Protein backbone atom coordinates (compact mmCIF):
# COMPACT_ATOMS: atom_id res chain seq x y z
CA MET A 1 135.45 194.52 125.08
CA SER A 2 137.80 195.38 122.23
CA ALA A 3 134.95 196.75 120.09
CA LYS A 4 133.68 198.85 123.00
CA LEU A 5 137.11 200.30 123.64
CA SER A 6 137.69 201.09 119.97
CA GLN A 7 134.57 203.26 119.94
CA THR A 8 136.11 205.53 122.60
CA LEU A 9 139.56 205.71 121.00
CA PRO A 10 140.67 209.37 121.38
CA LYS A 11 142.34 211.36 118.67
CA SER A 12 146.03 212.11 118.73
CA HIS A 13 147.39 215.49 119.76
CA PRO A 14 148.94 217.47 116.84
CA ALA A 15 152.25 217.45 118.75
CA ALA A 16 152.20 213.64 118.79
CA GLU A 17 151.37 213.58 115.08
CA SER A 18 154.60 215.51 114.41
CA PHE A 19 156.28 212.12 114.68
CA PRO A 20 155.52 209.13 112.42
CA LEU A 21 153.96 206.02 113.91
CA MET A 22 155.96 202.83 114.36
CA ASP A 23 156.42 200.57 111.38
CA ARG A 24 154.75 197.15 111.37
CA LYS A 25 157.80 195.31 112.65
CA ARG A 26 158.30 197.54 115.69
CA LEU A 27 154.57 197.67 116.37
CA SER A 28 154.41 193.87 116.33
CA SER A 29 157.31 193.72 118.78
CA LEU A 30 155.54 196.20 121.08
CA LYS A 31 152.37 194.16 120.90
CA ASP A 32 154.23 190.99 121.90
CA ASP A 33 155.81 192.80 124.84
CA ILE A 34 152.54 194.25 126.15
CA GLN A 35 150.80 190.90 125.70
CA ALA A 36 153.52 189.22 127.75
CA ASN A 37 154.19 191.86 130.39
CA GLY A 38 151.20 194.17 130.33
CA GLN A 39 151.24 197.95 129.75
CA LEU A 40 154.16 199.20 131.84
CA GLU A 41 154.29 202.84 130.69
CA PRO A 42 151.12 204.99 130.98
CA ILE A 43 149.75 206.86 127.96
CA THR A 44 150.03 210.64 128.30
CA MET A 45 146.86 212.61 127.62
CA CYS A 46 146.56 216.35 127.00
CA ASP A 47 143.24 218.12 126.36
CA ASN A 48 141.61 214.69 125.95
CA LEU A 49 144.06 213.86 123.16
CA ILE A 50 146.88 211.31 123.08
CA LEU A 51 150.11 213.25 123.53
CA ASP A 52 152.38 210.24 123.95
CA GLY A 53 151.67 206.54 123.52
CA ARG A 54 149.66 206.31 120.30
CA ASN A 55 151.23 202.95 119.51
CA ARG A 56 150.65 201.65 123.05
CA TYR A 57 147.01 202.76 122.86
CA ARG A 58 146.52 200.95 119.54
CA VAL A 59 148.06 197.77 120.92
CA CYS A 60 145.97 197.89 124.10
CA ILE A 61 142.79 198.25 122.05
CA GLU A 62 143.79 195.34 119.82
CA LEU A 63 144.50 193.19 122.89
CA GLY A 64 141.27 194.22 124.60
CA LEU A 65 143.08 195.94 127.47
CA GLN A 66 141.94 199.14 129.18
CA PRO A 67 144.80 201.62 128.52
CA LYS A 68 146.46 203.20 131.55
CA THR A 69 146.70 206.98 131.17
CA ARG A 70 148.06 210.05 132.92
CA LEU A 71 147.37 213.76 132.37
CA PHE A 72 149.72 216.49 131.25
CA ASP A 73 148.86 220.18 131.01
CA GLY A 74 152.17 221.85 130.14
CA ASN A 75 153.66 222.73 126.76
CA PRO A 76 152.74 219.69 124.60
CA TRP A 77 155.21 220.54 121.81
CA ASP A 78 158.26 220.64 124.08
CA TYR A 79 157.05 217.49 125.79
CA ALA A 80 156.61 215.55 122.54
CA TRP A 81 160.03 216.64 121.28
CA SER A 82 161.80 215.81 124.56
CA LEU A 83 160.41 212.27 124.47
CA ASN A 84 160.78 211.48 120.77
CA GLY A 85 163.53 213.75 119.42
CA GLU A 86 166.21 211.09 119.63
CA ARG A 87 164.27 208.22 118.10
CA ARG A 88 166.69 206.04 116.16
CA ASP A 89 164.33 205.48 113.26
CA LEU A 90 164.51 209.17 112.27
CA VAL A 91 167.07 210.31 109.72
CA ASP A 92 168.77 213.65 110.41
CA GLU A 93 166.92 215.81 107.91
CA GLN A 94 163.57 214.40 109.01
CA ARG A 95 164.54 214.92 112.64
CA TYR A 96 165.44 218.54 111.94
CA LEU A 97 162.15 219.23 110.14
CA ILE A 98 160.23 217.73 113.08
CA TRP A 99 162.19 219.90 115.51
CA LYS A 100 161.57 222.98 113.38
CA HIS A 101 157.85 222.27 113.29
CA CYS A 102 157.65 221.58 117.03
CA SER A 103 159.71 224.66 117.82
CA LYS A 104 157.43 226.90 115.77
CA GLN A 105 154.31 225.44 117.33
CA SER A 106 155.85 225.67 120.79
CA ASP A 107 156.48 229.38 120.27
CA GLY A 108 152.83 229.82 119.34
CA TRP A 109 151.68 227.81 122.35
CA GLU A 110 153.82 229.87 124.73
CA ALA A 111 152.61 233.13 123.20
CA GLU A 112 148.99 232.05 123.66
CA ARG A 113 149.67 230.96 127.25
CA LEU A 114 151.21 234.35 128.05
CA ARG A 115 148.27 236.13 126.41
CA ILE A 116 145.76 234.18 128.50
CA GLN A 117 147.84 234.72 131.62
CA SER A 118 148.08 238.45 130.93
CA GLU A 119 144.32 238.71 130.45
CA ALA A 120 143.76 236.74 133.65
CA ASN A 121 146.14 238.99 135.56
CA ALA A 122 144.39 242.07 134.23
CA LYS A 123 141.03 240.64 135.25
CA ARG A 124 142.32 239.77 138.72
CA SER A 125 143.70 243.26 139.07
CA GLU A 126 140.34 244.69 138.04
CA ASN A 127 138.52 242.52 140.56
CA SER A 128 141.03 242.84 143.38
CA LYS A 129 139.37 245.96 144.77
CA SER A 130 136.17 244.07 145.51
CA GLN A 131 137.81 240.84 146.78
CA PRO A 132 138.34 240.20 150.51
CA ARG A 133 141.88 240.60 151.73
CA LYS A 134 143.84 239.14 154.59
CA ALA A 135 145.02 241.20 157.51
CA ASP A 136 148.35 241.80 155.73
CA GLY A 137 146.54 243.12 152.63
CA THR A 138 147.25 240.16 150.29
CA MET A 139 144.53 238.49 148.23
CA ALA A 140 142.76 235.52 149.76
CA THR A 141 142.82 233.51 146.47
CA LYS A 142 145.89 231.70 145.08
CA PRO A 143 147.09 231.90 141.46
CA ALA A 144 146.90 228.72 139.37
CA PRO A 145 150.16 226.73 139.40
CA GLN A 146 152.31 226.87 136.25
CA HIS A 147 153.74 223.68 134.79
CA SER A 148 157.07 223.30 133.01
CA VAL A 149 158.54 220.52 130.91
CA GLY A 150 162.22 220.58 131.78
CA ALA A 151 164.56 221.76 129.03
CA THR A 152 162.81 223.34 126.07
CA VAL A 153 164.01 223.50 122.50
CA ASN A 154 166.36 226.26 121.45
CA LYS A 155 164.38 229.12 119.94
CA GLY A 156 165.20 232.33 118.14
CA ASN A 157 168.75 231.48 117.04
CA LYS A 158 168.97 231.15 113.28
CA ALA A 159 172.61 230.04 113.19
CA GLN A 160 172.96 226.57 111.65
CA ALA A 161 175.22 225.41 114.46
CA ALA A 162 172.67 226.37 117.10
CA LYS A 163 169.80 224.79 115.18
CA SER A 164 171.72 221.59 114.57
CA ALA A 165 172.56 221.34 118.28
CA ALA A 166 168.96 221.98 119.33
CA SER A 167 167.60 219.48 116.81
CA ARG A 168 170.32 216.90 117.55
CA THR A 169 171.34 216.76 113.90
CA ASN A 170 174.15 218.27 111.81
CA PRO A 171 174.52 221.58 109.92
CA GLY A 172 174.14 219.81 106.56
CA ALA A 173 170.76 218.40 107.52
CA VAL A 174 169.73 221.86 108.75
CA ALA A 175 170.71 223.50 105.45
CA ARG A 176 168.97 220.86 103.33
CA GLY A 177 165.90 220.90 105.56
CA ASP A 178 165.60 224.69 105.44
CA LYS A 179 165.97 224.67 101.65
CA LEU A 180 163.32 221.99 101.24
CA ASP A 181 160.96 223.71 103.70
CA LYS A 182 161.37 227.06 101.93
CA GLU A 183 161.08 225.88 98.34
CA ARG A 184 158.79 222.85 98.72
CA PRO A 185 156.92 222.89 102.04
CA ASP A 186 154.64 220.16 100.72
CA LEU A 187 157.58 217.79 100.30
CA ALA A 188 159.07 218.90 103.63
CA GLU A 189 155.84 217.93 105.34
CA LYS A 190 155.94 214.48 103.72
CA VAL A 191 159.51 214.01 104.93
CA ARG A 192 158.55 215.14 108.41
CA LYS A 193 155.67 212.68 108.55
CA GLY A 194 157.80 209.83 107.19
CA ALA A 195 155.82 209.48 103.95
CA ILE A 196 158.98 209.85 101.84
CA ARG A 197 162.71 209.83 102.50
CA PRO A 198 164.67 213.12 102.31
CA ALA A 199 166.68 211.98 99.28
CA GLU A 200 163.45 211.20 97.42
CA ALA A 201 162.06 214.63 98.27
CA HIS A 202 165.17 216.37 96.95
CA ARG A 203 165.06 214.30 93.76
CA GLN A 204 161.43 215.26 93.27
CA MET A 205 162.19 218.93 93.89
CA LYS A 206 165.00 218.88 91.34
CA LYS A 207 162.88 217.04 88.80
CA ASP A 208 160.10 219.57 89.23
CA GLN A 209 162.60 222.37 88.76
CA VAL A 210 163.68 220.79 85.47
CA ALA A 211 160.06 220.24 84.45
CA GLY A 212 159.37 223.89 85.13
CA LYS A 213 162.04 224.79 82.61
CA VAL A 214 160.44 222.70 79.87
CA ALA A 215 157.73 225.30 79.38
CA ALA A 216 160.45 227.90 78.91
CA LEU A 217 162.00 226.30 75.83
CA PRO A 218 162.84 229.04 73.32
CA ILE A 219 160.30 229.74 70.60
CA ASP A 220 162.69 229.66 67.66
CA LYS A 221 164.23 227.33 65.09
CA PHE A 222 167.84 226.19 65.34
CA SER A 223 170.00 224.41 62.81
CA VAL A 224 172.63 223.29 65.35
CA ILE A 225 171.67 221.62 68.63
CA TYR A 226 174.33 220.70 71.17
CA ALA A 227 173.14 218.67 74.16
CA ASP A 228 174.67 217.06 77.24
CA PRO A 229 171.64 215.42 78.91
CA PRO A 230 171.56 214.90 82.70
CA TRP A 231 171.29 211.14 82.34
CA SER A 232 169.85 209.08 85.19
CA TYR A 233 171.69 205.78 85.52
CA GLY A 234 169.52 204.27 88.23
CA ASP A 235 172.39 203.33 90.55
CA GLY A 236 174.39 204.85 93.39
CA ARG A 237 177.08 206.27 91.09
CA THR A 238 174.77 208.73 89.44
CA GLY A 239 172.67 210.15 92.15
CA ASP A 240 169.76 207.92 93.05
CA ARG A 241 171.29 208.38 96.48
CA MET A 242 172.47 211.74 97.76
CA THR A 243 176.18 210.97 97.55
CA ALA A 244 179.06 213.28 96.78
CA THR A 245 180.04 211.23 93.71
CA GLY A 246 176.59 210.89 92.17
CA ALA A 247 175.37 213.07 89.32
CA LEU A 248 172.36 214.16 91.32
CA HIS A 249 174.75 215.78 93.79
CA HIS A 250 175.83 218.08 90.96
CA TYR A 251 172.69 218.54 88.86
CA PRO A 252 169.11 217.21 88.66
CA THR A 253 169.05 214.01 86.61
CA MET A 254 166.22 213.19 84.21
CA SER A 255 164.77 209.83 83.24
CA MET A 256 164.53 208.70 79.62
CA GLU A 257 160.80 209.42 79.70
CA GLU A 258 161.45 212.99 80.82
CA LEU A 259 164.17 213.54 78.23
CA LYS A 260 162.07 212.13 75.41
CA ALA A 261 159.15 214.29 76.53
CA LEU A 262 161.09 217.47 75.78
CA ASP A 263 159.68 219.05 72.64
CA VAL A 264 163.07 219.37 70.96
CA GLN A 265 161.55 218.89 67.49
CA ARG A 266 159.81 222.23 67.94
CA LEU A 267 163.24 223.85 68.20
CA THR A 268 164.81 222.25 65.15
CA ALA A 269 164.91 223.57 61.63
CA GLU A 270 163.96 221.25 58.77
CA ASP A 271 167.65 220.83 58.03
CA SER A 272 169.51 220.56 61.31
CA VAL A 273 172.23 218.66 63.15
CA LEU A 274 172.33 217.33 66.71
CA PHE A 275 175.54 216.80 68.67
CA LEU A 276 174.53 214.61 71.60
CA TRP A 277 176.76 213.44 74.46
CA ALA A 278 176.35 209.85 75.65
CA THR A 279 178.44 207.81 78.06
CA SER A 280 179.58 204.28 77.35
CA PRO A 281 176.88 202.48 79.40
CA LEU A 282 174.15 204.72 77.96
CA LEU A 283 175.08 204.56 74.28
CA PRO A 284 171.83 202.73 73.34
CA GLU A 285 169.80 205.32 75.25
CA GLY A 286 171.65 208.11 73.44
CA LEU A 287 170.73 206.67 70.05
CA GLU A 288 167.14 206.14 71.18
CA LEU A 289 166.86 209.70 72.47
CA ALA A 290 168.22 211.18 69.24
CA LYS A 291 165.64 209.18 67.26
CA SER A 292 162.81 210.32 69.56
CA TRP A 293 163.86 213.93 68.92
CA GLY A 294 163.57 213.36 65.15
CA PHE A 295 167.23 212.76 64.22
CA LYS A 296 169.12 209.99 62.44
CA TYR A 297 172.51 208.79 63.62
CA LYS A 298 175.38 209.57 61.20
CA GLY A 299 178.64 209.21 63.13
CA CYS A 300 180.41 210.23 66.32
CA PHE A 301 183.42 211.72 67.99
CA ILE A 302 185.10 209.88 70.83
CA TRP A 303 186.46 211.96 73.67
CA ASP A 304 189.52 210.26 75.14
CA LYS A 305 189.69 211.76 78.65
CA VAL A 306 193.27 210.50 79.19
CA LYS A 307 192.61 209.99 82.90
CA HIS A 308 191.13 206.65 83.84
CA ASN A 309 187.72 206.26 85.49
CA LEU A 310 186.56 203.04 87.15
CA GLY A 311 183.74 201.22 85.35
CA HIS A 312 181.94 197.92 85.87
CA TYR A 313 183.77 196.01 83.10
CA ASN A 314 186.82 198.11 82.27
CA SER A 315 188.54 201.38 82.97
CA VAL A 316 186.32 203.83 81.09
CA ARG A 317 188.18 206.90 79.82
CA HIS A 318 185.94 207.98 76.96
CA GLU A 319 182.54 209.42 76.06
CA PHE A 320 180.66 209.60 72.77
CA LEU A 321 179.55 212.76 71.00
CA LEU A 322 176.90 211.43 68.63
CA ILE A 323 176.36 213.24 65.33
CA CYS A 324 172.76 213.02 64.14
CA THR A 325 170.91 214.93 61.43
CA ARG A 326 167.44 215.90 60.40
CA GLY A 327 166.88 216.55 56.72
CA SER A 328 170.05 217.51 54.86
CA CYS A 329 172.64 219.09 57.11
CA THR A 330 176.15 218.13 56.04
CA PRO A 331 179.01 220.33 57.34
CA GLU A 332 179.41 223.72 55.71
CA LYS A 333 183.20 223.35 55.89
CA THR A 334 185.07 220.32 54.52
CA LYS A 335 187.69 220.20 57.27
CA LEU A 336 188.01 216.67 58.67
CA TYR A 337 188.75 216.20 62.34
CA ASP A 338 190.12 213.05 63.92
CA SER A 339 187.21 211.07 65.31
CA VAL A 340 189.16 210.48 68.53
CA GLN A 341 190.01 213.61 70.48
CA SER A 342 192.44 213.10 73.38
CA ILE A 343 191.79 215.91 75.86
CA GLN A 344 192.46 215.47 79.57
CA ARG A 345 189.31 215.90 81.61
CA THR A 346 189.03 218.52 84.34
CA GLY A 347 188.02 217.86 87.90
CA LYS A 348 184.60 219.45 87.43
CA HIS A 349 181.76 216.92 87.23
CA SER A 350 180.50 216.30 83.68
CA GLU A 351 182.32 219.31 82.21
CA LYS A 352 182.99 218.89 78.49
CA PRO A 353 186.02 220.36 76.70
CA GLU A 354 185.42 223.59 74.81
CA GLU A 355 187.42 222.11 71.92
CA PHE A 356 184.31 220.22 70.82
CA ARG A 357 182.33 223.44 70.62
CA SER A 358 185.11 224.88 68.45
CA ILE A 359 184.83 221.87 66.16
CA ILE A 360 181.08 222.37 65.85
CA GLN A 361 181.56 226.08 65.25
CA THR A 362 184.10 225.37 62.49
CA LEU A 363 181.93 222.78 60.74
CA TYR A 364 178.77 224.89 61.03
CA PRO A 365 179.80 228.56 61.17
CA SER A 366 176.38 229.93 60.20
CA GLY A 367 172.87 229.21 61.39
CA LYS A 368 171.30 229.54 64.82
CA LYS A 369 172.81 227.41 67.56
CA ILE A 370 171.42 226.27 70.90
CA GLU A 371 172.96 224.29 73.74
CA LEU A 372 170.50 222.26 75.79
CA PHE A 373 171.18 221.60 79.49
CA ARG A 374 173.82 224.31 79.49
CA ARG A 375 175.58 224.74 82.83
CA GLY A 376 176.88 228.30 82.91
CA LYS A 377 176.45 231.31 80.65
CA ALA A 378 176.00 230.84 76.92
CA PRO A 379 179.05 231.61 74.78
CA LYS A 380 178.80 234.29 72.12
CA GLY A 381 176.67 233.22 69.17
CA TRP A 382 174.82 230.54 71.13
CA VAL A 383 171.50 230.33 72.94
CA ALA A 384 171.57 228.38 76.19
CA TRP A 385 168.73 226.45 77.83
CA GLY A 386 168.92 224.60 81.13
CA ASN A 387 168.30 224.89 84.83
CA GLU A 388 171.73 226.37 85.65
CA HIS A 389 172.58 228.71 82.80
CA GLU A 390 171.19 231.94 84.29
């Protein structure tokens, strides 16, 4: 019986497919319930497609039960949203993208219904002259009944507050969802279908934005390279989750593989110097990155930030500015600076003091200079490269 039923398994309606299927745990729980109590809620069909109850249908087939169904011939998109819009397994941004998709499709469905109705009315009007009429002059035939699906989704209002209310989310989810849908509709679709989480989609979008900049590296040779890489720490502090304190909330992070893949050697003169920022937990990675870019470690400055910052093992109030060279590139000026520079940090995430640029400028007054991963406009005498410097 099960095999016979499976051969007649209908396809799902596109409106139903706007929502992801249950995960294995919930599906197993549903199966246990139907096995114990039978199918209590009918499966809704529309145009011979499953509009609601895909999971119930699957379970019934697996259990060898004949699914109970009912028909619906109204707006399938409004119907699917009204039943599933408040599912607890949906995160806000995913919920908003589903609502946006359903709303757009619902508009199209309504427009097509009105077009068909208008054509039918025109045809009835054309044929009314030849149709028999009652004694009072009205037509003998009755118009087809129109079906409605209760409250429909809010349409036409682009205000974030209105969209967040209609989608049962929040303005932040609306803004992020619209941005993702506009810039990366492919990722937005994956989020909508539950293939990836919203945070993962935004990370991918930011990484791709950074990757797109790699091809735009300047075609020139520089003797001074200053770099503050967007390190990825791989924990909640630095943006692997979309939190206000993480680095990813401020700029797109890059993995070691991505950083090492940058063709920095193409930018460097035979005799050149690299000033590379590295935090305390990523000091080994900083040294490794400098080596992969073709430089040898020579020394460092330590930035004492004055203000304390909580770390895993101590209160971290410093960062390293590694000094690495390629070929022969000793300072042009003999001025010696203290290796520890005490400069109170600002409140802006990852912002480095301009005093260090002044030190570099003093030690190497001539030669072409470039700052990699620059955030903001390039200062006079420097070339800037990064995803935020325009």
